[in-house]
Amino acid sequence: MILVIVDKLIKWGYFIVCTKEILAKDVARIYIKEVFARYRALDKIILDRDLRFIVVFWEVFLAE
């Protein structure tokens, strides 16, 4: 499985290989480690998942 994160402002794509199926909390932690650590908060984060996924993502993101 490959997690794809696209930064439309600088036109970069991050392709992160995952060895197992990842949950919302895993996506948030990977995002913090790979993107947030380098560029801080982005203006907009668009997730193509359901509301439950988005809620868990933001809970983990804001807690860390």
N, C-alpha and C. Protein backbone atom coordinates (compact mmCIF):
# COMPACT_ATOMS: atom_id res chain seq x y z
N MET A 1 0.85 -1.16 0.00
CA MET A 1 0.00 0.00 0.00
C MET A 1 0.90 1.24 0.00
N ILE A 2 0.51 2.24 -0.74
CA ILE A 2 1.27 3.48 -0.82
C ILE A 2 0.36 4.63 -0.39
N LEU A 3 0.84 5.41 0.58
CA LEU A 3 0.13 6.61 1.02
C LEU A 3 0.65 7.77 0.17
N VAL A 4 -0.24 8.50 -0.47
CA VAL A 4 0.15 9.62 -1.32
C VAL A 4 -0.31 10.92 -0.66
N ILE A 5 0.63 11.82 -0.47
CA ILE A 5 0.34 13.15 0.06
C ILE A 5 0.82 14.15 -0.98
N VAL A 6 -0.07 15.02 -1.44
CA VAL A 6 0.26 15.98 -2.48
C VAL A 6 0.23 17.39 -1.90
N ASP A 7 1.30 18.13 -2.13
CA ASP A 7 1.38 19.53 -1.75
C ASP A 7 1.17 20.35 -3.03
N LYS A 8 0.00 20.93 -3.17
CA LYS A 8 -0.33 21.64 -4.40
C LYS A 8 0.40 22.97 -4.52
N LEU A 9 0.82 23.56 -3.39
CA LEU A 9 1.50 24.85 -3.43
C LEU A 9 2.87 24.74 -4.09
N ILE A 10 3.68 23.80 -3.64
CA ILE A 10 5.02 23.66 -4.22
C ILE A 10 5.09 22.53 -5.24
N LYS A 11 3.94 21.93 -5.51
CA LYS A 11 3.83 20.88 -6.53
C LYS A 11 4.78 19.70 -6.24
N TRP A 12 4.68 19.21 -5.02
CA TRP A 12 5.44 18.03 -4.60
C TRP A 12 4.48 16.92 -4.24
N GLY A 13 4.92 15.72 -4.46
CA GLY A 13 4.17 14.55 -4.03
C GLY A 13 5.03 13.71 -3.10
N TYR A 14 4.43 13.23 -2.05
CA TYR A 14 5.12 12.35 -1.11
C TYR A 14 4.49 10.97 -1.26
N PHE A 15 5.28 10.00 -1.61
CA PHE A 15 4.82 8.63 -1.78
C PHE A 15 5.46 7.79 -0.69
N ILE A 16 4.64 7.37 0.26
CA ILE A 16 5.15 6.68 1.44
C ILE A 16 4.67 5.24 1.40
N VAL A 17 5.60 4.32 1.37
CA VAL A 17 5.28 2.90 1.32
C VAL A 17 4.89 2.42 2.71
N CYS A 18 3.76 1.77 2.80
CA CYS A 18 3.27 1.22 4.07
C CYS A 18 3.22 -0.30 3.94
N THR A 19 3.68 -0.99 4.96
CA THR A 19 3.75 -2.44 4.89
C THR A 19 2.45 -3.13 5.29
N LYS A 20 1.51 -2.35 5.81
CA LYS A 20 0.24 -2.92 6.23
C LYS A 20 -0.86 -1.89 5.97
N GLU A 21 -2.08 -2.30 6.17
CA GLU A 21 -3.19 -1.36 6.05
C GLU A 21 -3.09 -0.36 7.18
N ILE A 22 -3.23 0.91 6.88
CA ILE A 22 -3.07 1.95 7.90
C ILE A 22 -4.41 2.57 8.25
N LEU A 23 -4.53 2.97 9.49
CA LEU A 23 -5.74 3.60 9.99
C LEU A 23 -5.54 5.11 10.04
N ALA A 24 -6.59 5.83 10.42
CA ALA A 24 -6.52 7.29 10.47
C ALA A 24 -5.43 7.76 11.41
N LYS A 25 -5.28 7.11 12.56
CA LYS A 25 -4.25 7.54 13.50
C LYS A 25 -2.86 7.33 12.92
N ASP A 26 -2.68 6.28 12.11
CA ASP A 26 -1.40 6.04 11.46
C ASP A 26 -1.12 7.10 10.40
N VAL A 27 -2.14 7.48 9.65
CA VAL A 27 -1.99 8.51 8.63
C VAL A 27 -1.60 9.83 9.28
N ALA A 28 -2.23 10.16 10.40
CA ALA A 28 -1.90 11.41 11.11
C ALA A 28 -0.45 11.39 11.59
N ARG A 29 -0.02 10.28 12.14
CA ARG A 29 1.36 10.19 12.64
C ARG A 29 2.38 10.25 11.49
N ILE A 30 2.07 9.59 10.39
CA ILE A 30 2.95 9.65 9.23
C ILE A 30 3.00 11.07 8.67
N TYR A 31 1.85 11.73 8.61
CA TYR A 31 1.80 13.11 8.12
C TYR A 31 2.64 14.02 9.01
N ILE A 32 2.53 13.86 10.32
CA ILE A 32 3.31 14.69 11.24
C ILE A 32 4.80 14.43 11.05
N LYS A 33 5.18 13.17 10.92
CA LYS A 33 6.59 12.81 10.80
C LYS A 33 7.19 13.24 9.46
N GLU A 34 6.46 13.05 8.37
CA GLU A 34 7.02 13.27 7.03
C GLU A 34 6.80 14.67 6.48
N VAL A 35 5.66 15.28 6.75
CA VAL A 35 5.33 16.58 6.14
C VAL A 35 5.36 17.72 7.15
N PHE A 36 4.65 17.57 8.23
CA PHE A 36 4.54 18.64 9.22
C PHE A 36 5.91 18.99 9.81
N ALA A 37 6.75 18.00 10.03
CA ALA A 37 8.08 18.24 10.59
C ALA A 37 8.94 19.11 9.67
N ARG A 38 8.72 19.02 8.39
CA ARG A 38 9.51 19.79 7.42
C ARG A 38 8.92 21.17 7.12
N TYR A 39 7.61 21.24 6.97
CA TYR A 39 6.98 22.47 6.46
C TYR A 39 6.00 23.12 7.42
N ARG A 40 5.81 22.54 8.59
CA ARG A 40 4.81 23.00 9.56
C ARG A 40 3.42 22.84 8.97
N ALA A 41 2.46 23.58 9.48
CA ALA A 41 1.07 23.39 9.07
C ALA A 41 0.84 23.92 7.65
N LEU A 42 0.11 23.19 6.89
CA LEU A 42 -0.27 23.63 5.55
C LEU A 42 -1.58 24.40 5.64
N ASP A 43 -1.88 25.17 4.62
CA ASP A 43 -3.10 25.97 4.62
C ASP A 43 -4.36 25.12 4.61
N LYS A 44 -4.30 24.01 3.91
CA LYS A 44 -5.50 23.21 3.74
C LYS A 44 -5.10 21.73 3.66
N ILE A 45 -5.84 20.90 4.35
CA ILE A 45 -5.65 19.46 4.25
C ILE A 45 -6.95 18.86 3.75
N ILE A 46 -6.89 18.18 2.62
CA ILE A 46 -8.08 17.57 2.02
C ILE A 46 -7.94 16.06 2.14
N LEU A 47 -8.91 15.45 2.77
CA LEU A 47 -8.91 13.99 2.93
C LEU A 47 -10.08 13.42 2.15
N ASP A 48 -9.83 12.34 1.45
CA ASP A 48 -10.90 11.73 0.64
C ASP A 48 -11.52 10.53 1.36
N ARG A 49 -11.69 10.64 2.65
CA ARG A 49 -12.26 9.56 3.45
C ARG A 49 -13.57 10.01 4.08
N ASP A 50 -14.19 9.11 4.83
CA ASP A 50 -15.46 9.45 5.47
C ASP A 50 -15.23 10.30 6.72
N LEU A 51 -16.30 10.76 7.31
CA LEU A 51 -16.25 11.67 8.45
C LEU A 51 -15.56 11.05 9.65
N ARG A 52 -15.78 9.77 9.91
CA ARG A 52 -15.15 9.11 11.05
C ARG A 52 -13.63 9.12 10.92
N PHE A 53 -13.13 8.87 9.74
CA PHE A 53 -11.69 8.90 9.47
C PHE A 53 -11.14 10.29 9.73
N ILE A 54 -11.82 11.30 9.23
CA ILE A 54 -11.37 12.69 9.37
C ILE A 54 -11.34 13.10 10.84
N VAL A 55 -12.35 12.71 11.61
CA VAL A 55 -12.40 13.05 13.03
C VAL A 55 -11.21 12.44 13.77
N VAL A 56 -10.93 11.17 13.54
CA VAL A 56 -9.80 10.51 14.20
C VAL A 56 -8.48 11.14 13.76
N PHE A 57 -8.35 11.44 12.47
CA PHE A 57 -7.13 12.10 11.97
C PHE A 57 -6.88 13.39 12.73
N TRP A 58 -7.89 14.25 12.83
CA TRP A 58 -7.70 15.54 13.50
C TRP A 58 -7.49 15.38 14.99
N GLU A 59 -8.12 14.41 15.62
CA GLU A 59 -7.89 14.18 17.06
C GLU A 59 -6.43 13.84 17.32
N VAL A 60 -5.88 12.94 16.52
CA VAL A 60 -4.47 12.55 16.69
C VAL A 60 -3.55 13.70 16.32
N PHE A 61 -3.85 14.37 15.23
CA PHE A 61 -3.01 15.49 14.76
C PHE A 61 -2.93 16.58 15.82
N LEU A 62 -4.05 16.96 16.40
CA LEU A 62 -4.07 18.03 17.37
C LEU A 62 -3.52 17.61 18.73
N ALA A 63 -3.56 16.31 19.01
CA ALA A 63 -3.05 15.83 20.30
C ALA A 63 -1.53 15.77 20.31
N GLU A 64 -0.91 15.64 19.15
CA GLU A 64 0.56 15.48 19.11
C GLU A 64 1.27 16.77 18.82
